Amino acid sequence: VGVSTCATGPAASLGIPTKNAVALLPATIAGVKVNWIVLDDATDPTL
């Protein structure tokens, strides 16, 4: 599962809690390992 979040930039106050919450999401679903891949888009649509 890929995650693009505004961890920096004008919307960082939205993205940082998101990144924190993703770290708490389950490591498995229905017995399947989940890889949470988090990237920062810096509140930039192009990124």
All heavy atoms as atom14 arrays in JSON, in Angstrom:
{
  "sequence": "VGVSTCATGPAASLGIPTKNAVALLPATIAGVKVNWIVLDDATDPTL",
  "atom14_mask": [
    [1, 1, 1, 1, 1, 1, 1, 0, 0, 0, 0, 0, 0, 0],
    [1, 1, 1, 1, 0, 0, 0, 0, 0, 0, 0, 0, 0, 0],
    [1, 1, 1, 1, 1, 1, 1, 0, 0, 0, 0, 0, 0, 0],
    [1, 1, 1, 1, 1, 1, 0, 0, 0, 0, 0, 0, 0, 0],
    [1, 1, 1, 1, 1, 1, 1, 0, 0, 0, 0, 0, 0, 0],
    [1, 1, 1, 1, 1, 1, 0, 0, 0, 0, 0, 0, 0, 0],
    [1, 1, 1, 1, 1, 0, 0, 0, 0, 0, 0, 0, 0, 0],
    [1, 1, 1, 1, 1, 1, 1, 0, 0, 0, 0, 0, 0, 0],
    [1, 1, 1, 1, 0, 0, 0, 0, 0, 0, 0, 0, 0, 0],
    [1, 1, 1, 1, 1, 1, 1, 0, 0, 0, 0, 0, 0, 0],
    [1, 1, 1, 1, 1, 0, 0, 0, 0, 0, 0, 0, 0, 0],
    [1, 1, 1, 1, 1, 0, 0, 0, 0, 0, 0, 0, 0, 0],
    [1, 1, 1, 1, 1, 1, 0, 0, 0, 0, 0, 0, 0, 0],
    [1, 1, 1, 1, 1, 1, 1, 1, 0, 0, 0, 0, 0, 0],
    [1, 1, 1, 1, 0, 0, 0, 0, 0, 0, 0, 0, 0, 0],
    [1, 1, 1, 1, 1, 1, 1, 1, 0, 0, 0, 0, 0, 0],
    [1, 1, 1, 1, 1, 1, 1, 0, 0, 0, 0, 0, 0, 0],
    [1, 1, 1, 1, 1, 1, 1, 0, 0, 0, 0, 0, 0, 0],
    [1, 1, 1, 1, 1, 1, 1, 1, 1, 0, 0, 0, 0, 0],
    [1, 1, 1, 1, 1, 1, 1, 1, 0, 0, 0, 0, 0, 0],
    [1, 1, 1, 1, 1, 0, 0, 0, 0, 0, 0, 0, 0, 0],
    [1, 1, 1, 1, 1, 1, 1, 0, 0, 0, 0, 0, 0, 0],
    [1, 1, 1, 1, 1, 0, 0, 0, 0, 0, 0, 0, 0, 0],
    [1, 1, 1, 1, 1, 1, 1, 1, 0, 0, 0, 0, 0, 0],
    [1, 1, 1, 1, 1, 1, 1, 1, 0, 0, 0, 0, 0, 0],
    [1, 1, 1, 1, 1, 1, 1, 0, 0, 0, 0, 0, 0, 0],
    [1, 1, 1, 1, 1, 0, 0, 0, 0, 0, 0, 0, 0, 0],
    [1, 1, 1, 1, 1, 1, 1, 0, 0, 0, 0, 0, 0, 0],
    [1, 1, 1, 1, 1, 1, 1, 1, 0, 0, 0, 0, 0, 0],
    [1, 1, 1, 1, 1, 0, 0, 0, 0, 0, 0, 0, 0, 0],
    [1, 1, 1, 1, 0, 0, 0, 0, 0, 0, 0, 0, 0, 0],
    [1, 1, 1, 1, 1, 1, 1, 0, 0, 0, 0, 0, 0, 0],
    [1, 1, 1, 1, 1, 1, 1, 1, 1, 0, 0, 0, 0, 0],
    [1, 1, 1, 1, 1, 1, 1, 0, 0, 0, 0, 0, 0, 0],
    [1, 1, 1, 1, 1, 1, 1, 1, 0, 0, 0, 0, 0, 0],
    [1, 1, 1, 1, 1, 1, 1, 1, 1, 1, 1, 1, 1, 1],
    [1, 1, 1, 1, 1, 1, 1, 1, 0, 0, 0, 0, 0, 0],
    [1, 1, 1, 1, 1, 1, 1, 0, 0, 0, 0, 0, 0, 0],
    [1, 1, 1, 1, 1, 1, 1, 1, 0, 0, 0, 0, 0, 0],
    [1, 1, 1, 1, 1, 1, 1, 1, 0, 0, 0, 0, 0, 0],
    [1, 1, 1, 1, 1, 1, 1, 1, 0, 0, 0, 0, 0, 0],
    [1, 1, 1, 1, 1, 0, 0, 0, 0, 0, 0, 0, 0, 0],
    [1, 1, 1, 1, 1, 1, 1, 0, 0, 0, 0, 0, 0, 0],
    [1, 1, 1, 1, 1, 1, 1, 1, 0, 0, 0, 0, 0, 0],
    [1, 1, 1, 1, 1, 1, 1, 0, 0, 0, 0, 0, 0, 0],
    [1, 1, 1, 1, 1, 1, 1, 0, 0, 0, 0, 0, 0, 0],
    [1, 1, 1, 1, 1, 1, 1, 1, 0, 0, 0, 0, 0, 0]
  ],
  "atom14_positions": [
    [[0.85, -1.18, 0.0], [0.0, 0.0, 0.0], [0.89, 1.23, 0.0], [1.71, 1.42, 0.9], [-0.94, 0.04, 1.23], [-1.82, 1.28, 1.18], [-1.79, -1.23, 1.29], [0.0, 0.0, 0.0], [0.0, 0.0, 0.0], [0.0, 0.0, 0.0], [0.0, 0.0, 0.0], [0.0, 0.0, 0.0], [0.0, 0.0, 0.0], [0.0, 0.0, 0.0]],
    [[0.74, 2.08, -1.01], [1.51, 3.31, -1.11], [0.78, 4.47, -0.48], [-0.44, 4.58, -0.62], [0.0, 0.0, 0.0], [0.0, 0.0, 0.0], [0.0, 0.0, 0.0], [0.0, 0.0, 0.0], [0.0, 0.0, 0.0], [0.0, 0.0, 0.0], [0.0, 0.0, 0.0], [0.0, 0.0, 0.0], [0.0, 0.0, 0.0], [0.0, 0.0, 0.0]],
    [[1.51, 5.31, 0.21], [0.92, 6.48, 0.87], [1.67, 7.73, 0.43], [2.9, 7.8, 0.57], [0.99, 6.36, 2.41], [0.31, 7.56, 3.07], [0.36, 5.05, 2.88], [0.0, 0.0, 0.0], [0.0, 0.0, 0.0], [0.0, 0.0, 0.0], [0.0, 0.0, 0.0], [0.0, 0.0, 0.0], [0.0, 0.0, 0.0], [0.0, 0.0, 0.0]],
    [[0.95, 8.71, -0.1], [1.54, 10.01, -0.41], [0.94, 11.04, 0.53], [-0.28, 11.23, 0.56], [1.26, 10.41, -1.87], [1.92, 11.62, -2.2], [0.0, 0.0, 0.0], [0.0, 0.0, 0.0], [0.0, 0.0, 0.0], [0.0, 0.0, 0.0], [0.0, 0.0, 0.0], [0.0, 0.0, 0.0], [0.0, 0.0, 0.0], [0.0, 0.0, 0.0]],
    [[1.78, 11.68, 1.32], [1.31, 12.57, 2.36], [2.07, 13.89, 2.36], [3.24, 13.94, 1.96], [1.43, 11.9, 3.74], [1.25, 12.86, 4.78], [2.78, 11.25, 3.93], [0.0, 0.0, 0.0], [0.0, 0.0, 0.0], [0.0, 0.0, 0.0], [0.0, 0.0, 0.0], [0.0, 0.0, 0.0], [0.0, 0.0, 0.0], [0.0, 0.0, 0.0]],
    [[1.42, 14.94, 2.81], [2.02, 16.28, 2.88], [2.83, 16.42, 4.16], [2.48, 17.21, 5.04], [0.95, 17.36, 2.82], [-0.17, 17.25, 1.41], [0.0, 0.0, 0.0], [0.0, 0.0, 0.0], [0.0, 0.0, 0.0], [0.0, 0.0, 0.0], [0.0, 0.0, 0.0], [0.0, 0.0, 0.0], [0.0, 0.0, 0.0], [0.0, 0.0, 0.0]],
    [[3.88, 15.66, 4.29], [4.68, 15.7, 5.53], [5.49, 16.98, 5.66], [5.96, 17.32, 6.74], [5.59, 14.5, 5.61], [0.0, 0.0, 0.0], [0.0, 0.0, 0.0], [0.0, 0.0, 0.0], [0.0, 0.0, 0.0], [0.0, 0.0, 0.0], [0.0, 0.0, 0.0], [0.0, 0.0, 0.0], [0.0, 0.0, 0.0], [0.0, 0.0, 0.0]],
    [[5.68, 17.69, 4.53], [6.34, 19.0, 4.55], [5.51, 19.94, 3.68], [4.55, 19.54, 3.03], [7.78, 18.91, 4.0], [7.75, 18.4, 2.66], [8.65, 18.01, 4.87], [0.0, 0.0, 0.0], [0.0, 0.0, 0.0], [0.0, 0.0, 0.0], [0.0, 0.0, 0.0], [0.0, 0.0, 0.0], [0.0, 0.0, 0.0], [0.0, 0.0, 0.0]],
    [[5.92, 21.21, 3.65], [5.19, 22.19, 2.85], [4.07, 22.84, 3.63], [3.91, 22.61, 4.85], [0.0, 0.0, 0.0], [0.0, 0.0, 0.0], [0.0, 0.0, 0.0], [0.0, 0.0, 0.0], [0.0, 0.0, 0.0], [0.0, 0.0, 0.0], [0.0, 0.0, 0.0], [0.0, 0.0, 0.0], [0.0, 0.0, 0.0], [0.0, 0.0, 0.0]],
    [[3.21, 23.64, 2.97], [2.16, 24.4, 3.66], [1.15, 23.54, 4.42], [0.54, 24.01, 5.37], [1.47, 25.16, 2.51], [2.5, 25.26, 1.43], [3.3, 24.0, 1.54], [0.0, 0.0, 0.0], [0.0, 0.0, 0.0], [0.0, 0.0, 0.0], [0.0, 0.0, 0.0], [0.0, 0.0, 0.0], [0.0, 0.0, 0.0], [0.0, 0.0, 0.0]],
    [[0.97, 22.29, 3.98], [0.0, 21.41, 4.64], [0.65, 20.38, 5.55], [0.07, 19.34, 5.84], [-0.88, 20.72, 3.6], [0.0, 0.0, 0.0], [0.0, 0.0, 0.0], [0.0, 0.0, 0.0], [0.0, 0.0, 0.0], [0.0, 0.0, 0.0], [0.0, 0.0, 0.0], [0.0, 0.0, 0.0], [0.0, 0.0, 0.0], [0.0, 0.0, 0.0]],
    [[1.85, 20.69, 6.03], [2.57, 19.72, 6.88], [1.8, 19.38, 8.15], [1.9, 18.27, 8.67], [3.95, 20.27, 7.23], [0.0, 0.0, 0.0], [0.0, 0.0, 0.0], [0.0, 0.0, 0.0], [0.0, 0.0, 0.0], [0.0, 0.0, 0.0], [0.0, 0.0, 0.0], [0.0, 0.0, 0.0], [0.0, 0.0, 0.0], [0.0, 0.0, 0.0]],
    [[1.01, 20.33, 8.66], [0.25, 20.06, 9.88], [-0.83, 19.0, 9.63], [-1.37, 18.44, 10.58], [-0.39, 21.35, 10.41], [-1.28, 21.91, 9.46], [0.0, 0.0, 0.0], [0.0, 0.0, 0.0], [0.0, 0.0, 0.0], [0.0, 0.0, 0.0], [0.0, 0.0, 0.0], [0.0, 0.0, 0.0], [0.0, 0.0, 0.0], [0.0, 0.0, 0.0]],
    [[-1.14, 18.73, 8.37], [-2.06, 17.66, 8.01], [-1.29, 16.36, 7.77], [-1.72, 15.28, 8.17], [-2.84, 18.02, 6.74], [-3.96, 19.06, 6.8], [-3.47, 20.42, 7.29], [-4.61, 19.2, 5.44], [0.0, 0.0, 0.0], [0.0, 0.0, 0.0], [0.0, 0.0, 0.0], [0.0, 0.0, 0.0], [0.0, 0.0, 0.0], [0.0, 0.0, 0.0]],
    [[-0.16, 16.48, 7.1], [0.58, 15.3, 6.67], [1.35, 14.59, 7.77], [1.47, 13.36, 7.75], [0.0, 0.0, 0.0], [0.0, 0.0, 0.0], [0.0, 0.0, 0.0], [0.0, 0.0, 0.0], [0.0, 0.0, 0.0], [0.0, 0.0, 0.0], [0.0, 0.0, 0.0], [0.0, 0.0, 0.0], [0.0, 0.0, 0.0], [0.0, 0.0, 0.0]],
    [[1.89, 15.35, 8.71], [2.68, 14.7, 9.78], [1.81, 13.77, 10.63], [2.21, 12.62, 10.89], [3.38, 15.77, 10.65], [4.47, 16.48, 9.82], [3.99, 15.14, 11.89], [5.1, 17.66, 10.51], [0.0, 0.0, 0.0], [0.0, 0.0, 0.0], [0.0, 0.0, 0.0], [0.0, 0.0, 0.0], [0.0, 0.0, 0.0], [0.0, 0.0, 0.0]],
    [[0.61, 14.19, 11.08], [-0.24, 13.24, 11.81], [-0.63, 12.03, 10.96], [-0.77, 10.92, 11.49], [-1.48, 14.08, 12.17], [-1.01, 15.49, 12.13], [0.0, 15.55, 11.05], [0.0, 0.0, 0.0], [0.0, 0.0, 0.0], [0.0, 0.0, 0.0], [0.0, 0.0, 0.0], [0.0, 0.0, 0.0], [0.0, 0.0, 0.0], [0.0, 0.0, 0.0]],
    [[-0.79, 12.25, 9.66], [-1.1, 11.13, 8.76], [0.04, 10.12, 8.77], [-0.19, 8.9, 8.92], [-1.32, 11.64, 7.33], [-2.46, 12.5, 7.3], [-1.52, 10.49, 6.36], [0.0, 0.0, 0.0], [0.0, 0.0, 0.0], [0.0, 0.0, 0.0], [0.0, 0.0, 0.0], [0.0, 0.0, 0.0], [0.0, 0.0, 0.0], [0.0, 0.0, 0.0]],
    [[1.26, 10.61, 8.62], [2.43, 9.73, 8.62], [2.53, 8.99, 9.95], [2.84, 7.79, 9.99], [3.69, 10.56, 8.37], [4.96, 9.76, 8.22], [6.14, 10.66, 7.88], [7.43, 9.87, 7.73], [8.58, 10.76, 7.41], [0.0, 0.0, 0.0], [0.0, 0.0, 0.0], [0.0, 0.0, 0.0], [0.0, 0.0, 0.0], [0.0, 0.0, 0.0]],
    [[2.24, 9.69, 11.05], [2.26, 9.04, 12.36], [1.23, 7.92, 12.44], [1.51, 6.84, 12.98], [1.98, 10.07, 13.46], [3.12, 11.05, 13.67], [4.25, 10.82, 13.21], [2.85, 12.14, 14.34], [0.0, 0.0, 0.0], [0.0, 0.0, 0.0], [0.0, 0.0, 0.0], [0.0, 0.0, 0.0], [0.0, 0.0, 0.0], [0.0, 0.0, 0.0]],
    [[0.03, 8.19, 11.92], [-1.04, 7.2, 12.0], [-0.73, 5.97, 11.16], [-1.05, 4.84, 11.55], [-2.36, 7.83, 11.56], [0.0, 0.0, 0.0], [0.0, 0.0, 0.0], [0.0, 0.0, 0.0], [0.0, 0.0, 0.0], [0.0, 0.0, 0.0], [0.0, 0.0, 0.0], [0.0, 0.0, 0.0], [0.0, 0.0, 0.0], [0.0, 0.0, 0.0]],
    [[-0.12, 6.18, 9.99], [0.21, 5.05, 9.12], [1.12, 4.06, 9.85], [1.0, 2.85, 9.67], [0.84, 5.54, 7.81], [1.42, 4.38, 7.0], [-0.18, 6.3, 6.98], [0.0, 0.0, 0.0], [0.0, 0.0, 0.0], [0.0, 0.0, 0.0], [0.0, 0.0, 0.0], [0.0, 0.0, 0.0], [0.0, 0.0, 0.0], [0.0, 0.0, 0.0]],
    [[2.01, 4.6, 10.69], [2.92, 3.72, 11.44], [2.17, 2.83, 12.43], [2.72, 1.82, 12.9], [3.95, 4.57, 12.18], [0.0, 0.0, 0.0], [0.0, 0.0, 0.0], [0.0, 0.0, 0.0], [0.0, 0.0, 0.0], [0.0, 0.0, 0.0], [0.0, 0.0, 0.0], [0.0, 0.0, 0.0], [0.0, 0.0, 0.0], [0.0, 0.0, 0.0]],
    [[0.91, 3.18, 12.74], [0.11, 2.4, 13.68], [-0.83, 1.43, 12.98], [-1.5, 0.63, 13.64], [-0.72, 3.34, 14.57], [0.06, 4.38, 15.39], [-0.91, 5.27, 16.14], [1.03, 3.7, 16.33], [0.0, 0.0, 0.0], [0.0, 0.0, 0.0], [0.0, 0.0, 0.0], [0.0, 0.0, 0.0], [0.0, 0.0, 0.0], [0.0, 0.0, 0.0]],
    [[-0.91, 1.49, 11.66], [-1.8, 0.61, 10.91], [-1.3, -0.83, 10.98], [-0.11, -1.08, 11.21], [-1.91, 1.09, 9.46], [-2.67, 2.41, 9.28], [-2.57, 2.91, 7.85], [-4.13, 2.26, 9.69], [0.0, 0.0, 0.0], [0.0, 0.0, 0.0], [0.0, 0.0, 0.0], [0.0, 0.0, 0.0], [0.0, 0.0, 0.0], [0.0, 0.0, 0.0]],
    [[-2.19, -1.8, 10.78], [-1.82, -3.2, 10.99], [-0.73, -3.69, 10.05], [-0.67, -3.31, 8.88], [-3.14, -3.95, 10.75], [-3.96, -3.03, 9.93], [-3.61, -1.64, 10.39], [0.0, 0.0, 0.0], [0.0, 0.0, 0.0], [0.0, 0.0, 0.0], [0.0, 0.0, 0.0], [0.0, 0.0, 0.0], [0.0, 0.0, 0.0], [0.0, 0.0, 0.0]],
    [[0.12, -4.55, 10.58], [1.21, -5.14, 9.8], [0.72, -6.3, 8.95], [1.4, -6.72, 8.0], [2.32, -5.62, 10.72], [0.0, 0.0, 0.0], [0.0, 0.0, 0.0], [0.0, 0.0, 0.0], [0.0, 0.0, 0.0], [0.0, 0.0, 0.0], [0.0, 0.0, 0.0], [0.0, 0.0, 0.0], [0.0, 0.0, 0.0], [0.0, 0.0, 0.0]],
    [[-0.45, -6.83, 9.28], [-1.06, -7.89, 8.48], [-2.56, -7.63, 8.36], [-3.17, -7.06, 9.26], [-0.84, -9.28, 9.1], [-1.48, -9.33, 10.37], [0.63, -9.6, 9.23], [0.0, 0.0, 0.0], [0.0, 0.0, 0.0], [0.0, 0.0, 0.0], [0.0, 0.0, 0.0], [0.0, 0.0, 0.0], [0.0, 0.0, 0.0], [0.0, 0.0, 0.0]],
    [[-3.13, -8.05, 7.25], [-4.58, -8.04, 7.05], [-4.96, -9.41, 6.51], [-4.43, -9.86, 5.49], [-5.03, -6.95, 6.08], [-4.71, -5.55, 6.63], [-6.54, -7.06, 5.8], [-5.1, -4.41, 5.69], [0.0, 0.0, 0.0], [0.0, 0.0, 0.0], [0.0, 0.0, 0.0], [0.0, 0.0, 0.0], [0.0, 0.0, 0.0], [0.0, 0.0, 0.0]],
    [[-5.87, -10.08, 7.2], [-6.32, -11.42, 6.8], [-5.14, -12.37, 6.62], [-5.12, -13.2, 5.7], [-7.16, -11.33, 5.52], [0.0, 0.0, 0.0], [0.0, 0.0, 0.0], [0.0, 0.0, 0.0], [0.0, 0.0, 0.0], [0.0, 0.0, 0.0], [0.0, 0.0, 0.0], [0.0, 0.0, 0.0], [0.0, 0.0, 0.0], [0.0, 0.0, 0.0]],
    [[-4.14, -12.24, 7.47], [-2.99, -13.12, 7.42], [-1.95, -12.77, 6.39], [-0.93, -13.47, 6.26], [0.0, 0.0, 0.0], [0.0, 0.0, 0.0], [0.0, 0.0, 0.0], [0.0, 0.0, 0.0], [0.0, 0.0, 0.0], [0.0, 0.0, 0.0], [0.0, 0.0, 0.0], [0.0, 0.0, 0.0], [0.0, 0.0, 0.0], [0.0, 0.0, 0.0]],
    [[-2.15, -11.67, 5.68], [-1.22, -11.25, 4.64], [-0.39, -10.08, 5.15], [-0.93, -9.11, 5.71], [-1.96, -10.83, 3.36], [-0.98, -10.35, 2.29], [-2.79, -11.99, 2.83], [0.0, 0.0, 0.0], [0.0, 0.0, 0.0], [0.0, 0.0, 0.0], [0.0, 0.0, 0.0], [0.0, 0.0, 0.0], [0.0, 0.0, 0.0], [0.0, 0.0, 0.0]],
    [[0.93, -10.16, 4.98], [1.79, -9.06, 5.39], [1.5, -7.81, 4.57], [1.34, -7.87, 3.35], [3.26, -9.45, 5.22], [4.24, -8.35, 5.64], [5.68, -8.76, 5.38], [6.64, -7.63, 5.73], [8.05, -7.99, 5.4], [0.0, 0.0, 0.0], [0.0, 0.0, 0.0], [0.0, 0.0, 0.0], [0.0, 0.0, 0.0], [0.0, 0.0, 0.0]],
    [[1.43, -6.66, 5.26], [1.19, -5.39, 4.59], [2.45, -4.53, 4.65], [2.99, -4.3, 5.73], [0.02, -4.61, 5.22], [-0.26, -3.34, 4.42], [-1.23, -5.48, 5.3], [0.0, 0.0, 0.0], [0.0, 0.0, 0.0], [0.0, 0.0, 0.0], [0.0, 0.0, 0.0], [0.0, 0.0, 0.0], [0.0, 0.0, 0.0], [0.0, 0.0, 0.0]],
    [[2.89, -4.07, 3.51], [4.01, -3.12, 3.44], [3.44, -1.73, 3.15], [2.9, -1.48, 2.08], [4.98, -3.52, 2.32], [5.57, -4.9, 2.52], [6.03, -5.23, 3.61], [5.53, -5.73, 1.49], [0.0, 0.0, 0.0], [0.0, 0.0, 0.0], [0.0, 0.0, 0.0], [0.0, 0.0, 0.0], [0.0, 0.0, 0.0], [0.0, 0.0, 0.0]],
    [[3.54, -0.84, 4.14], [3.06, 0.54, 3.99], [4.23, 1.37, 3.49], [5.21, 1.57, 4.21], [2.53, 1.07, 5.31], [1.41, 0.28, 5.9], [1.49, -0.71, 6.82], [0.02, 0.4, 5.56], [0.26, -1.22, 7.12], [-0.68, -0.56, 6.36], [-0.71, 1.21, 4.7], [-2.06, -0.71, 6.29], [-2.08, 1.06, 4.63], [-2.75, 0.11, 5.42]],
    [[4.16, 1.86, 2.28], [5.26, 2.6, 1.65], [4.89, 4.08, 1.64], [4.0, 4.51, 0.89], [5.51, 2.09, 0.22], [5.75, 0.59, 0.24], [6.68, 2.83, -0.42], [5.64, -0.08, -1.12], [0.0, 0.0, 0.0], [0.0, 0.0, 0.0], [0.0, 0.0, 0.0], [0.0, 0.0, 0.0], [0.0, 0.0, 0.0], [0.0, 0.0, 0.0]],
    [[5.55, 4.88, 2.46], [5.17, 6.28, 2.67], [6.13, 7.22, 1.95], [7.35, 7.15, 2.15], [5.12, 6.62, 4.17], [4.66, 8.05, 4.38], [4.21, 5.64, 4.92], [0.0, 0.0, 0.0], [0.0, 0.0, 0.0], [0.0, 0.0, 0.0], [0.0, 0.0, 0.0], [0.0, 0.0, 0.0], [0.0, 0.0, 0.0], [0.0, 0.0, 0.0]],
    [[5.58, 8.12, 1.14], [6.36, 9.14, 0.45], [5.81, 10.52, 0.78], [4.61, 10.68, 1.02], [6.3, 8.92, -1.08], [6.81, 7.58, -1.61], [6.64, 7.52, -3.12], [8.27, 7.35, -1.23], [0.0, 0.0, 0.0], [0.0, 0.0, 0.0], [0.0, 0.0, 0.0], [0.0, 0.0, 0.0], [0.0, 0.0, 0.0], [0.0, 0.0, 0.0]],
    [[6.67, 11.51, 0.79], [6.29, 12.9, 1.07], [6.08, 13.63, -0.25], [6.94, 13.64, -1.12], [7.39, 13.58, 1.88], [7.1, 15.05, 2.17], [5.92, 15.46, 2.07], [8.05, 15.78, 2.49], [0.0, 0.0, 0.0], [0.0, 0.0, 0.0], [0.0, 0.0, 0.0], [0.0, 0.0, 0.0], [0.0, 0.0, 0.0], [0.0, 0.0, 0.0]],
    [[4.9, 14.28, -0.41], [4.67, 15.07, -1.62], [4.82, 16.57, -1.39], [4.61, 17.38, -2.3], [3.31, 14.76, -2.25], [2.14, 15.03, -1.32], [2.12, 16.08, -0.66], [1.21, 14.2, -1.26], [0.0, 0.0, 0.0], [0.0, 0.0, 0.0], [0.0, 0.0, 0.0], [0.0, 0.0, 0.0], [0.0, 0.0, 0.0], [0.0, 0.0, 0.0]],
    [[5.17, 16.97, -0.15], [5.47, 18.36, 0.17], [4.35, 19.33, -0.21], [4.6, 20.5, -0.49], [6.78, 18.79, -0.49], [0.0, 0.0, 0.0], [0.0, 0.0, 0.0], [0.0, 0.0, 0.0], [0.0, 0.0, 0.0], [0.0, 0.0, 0.0], [0.0, 0.0, 0.0], [0.0, 0.0, 0.0], [0.0, 0.0, 0.0], [0.0, 0.0, 0.0]],
    [[3.1, 18.84, -0.23], [1.94, 19.66, -0.58], [2.02, 20.17, -2.02], [1.45, 21.2, -2.36], [1.76, 20.85, 0.39], [2.19, 20.49, 1.71], [0.29, 21.25, 0.49], [0.0, 0.0, 0.0], [0.0, 0.0, 0.0], [0.0, 0.0, 0.0], [0.0, 0.0, 0.0], [0.0, 0.0, 0.0], [0.0, 0.0, 0.0], [0.0, 0.0, 0.0]],
    [[2.72, 19.45, -2.86], [2.96, 19.85, -4.25], [2.27, 18.85, -5.17], [2.66, 17.68, -5.22], [4.46, 19.87, -4.52], [4.81, 20.3, -5.93], [3.89, 20.37, -6.78], [6.0, 20.55, -6.2], [0.0, 0.0, 0.0], [0.0, 0.0, 0.0], [0.0, 0.0, 0.0], [0.0, 0.0, 0.0], [0.0, 0.0, 0.0], [0.0, 0.0, 0.0]],
    [[1.25, 19.26, -5.93], [0.55, 18.33, -6.82], [1.47, 17.64, -7.82], [1.28, 16.46, -8.12], [-0.47, 19.23, -7.54], [-0.73, 20.34, -6.57], [0.59, 20.6, -5.91], [0.0, 0.0, 0.0], [0.0, 0.0, 0.0], [0.0, 0.0, 0.0], [0.0, 0.0, 0.0], [0.0, 0.0, 0.0], [0.0, 0.0, 0.0], [0.0, 0.0, 0.0]],
    [[2.48, 18.35, -8.32], [3.41, 17.74, -9.26], [4.19, 16.6, -8.62], [4.36, 15.52, -9.21], [4.39, 18.79, -9.81], [3.65, 19.83, -10.46], [5.36, 18.17, -10.8], [0.0, 0.0, 0.0], [0.0, 0.0, 0.0], [0.0, 0.0, 0.0], [0.0, 0.0, 0.0], [0.0, 0.0, 0.0], [0.0, 0.0, 0.0], [0.0, 0.0, 0.0]],
    [[4.64, 16.82, -7.39], [5.36, 15.78, -6.67], [4.42, 14.63, -6.29], [4.83, 13.46, -6.27], [6.04, 16.36, -5.43], [6.96, 15.42, -4.65], [8.0, 14.78, -5.55], [7.65, 16.2, -3.52], [0.0, 0.0, 0.0], [0.0, 0.0, 0.0], [0.0, 0.0, 0.0], [0.0, 0.0, 0.0], [0.0, 0.0, 0.0], [0.0, 0.0, 0.0]]
  ]
}
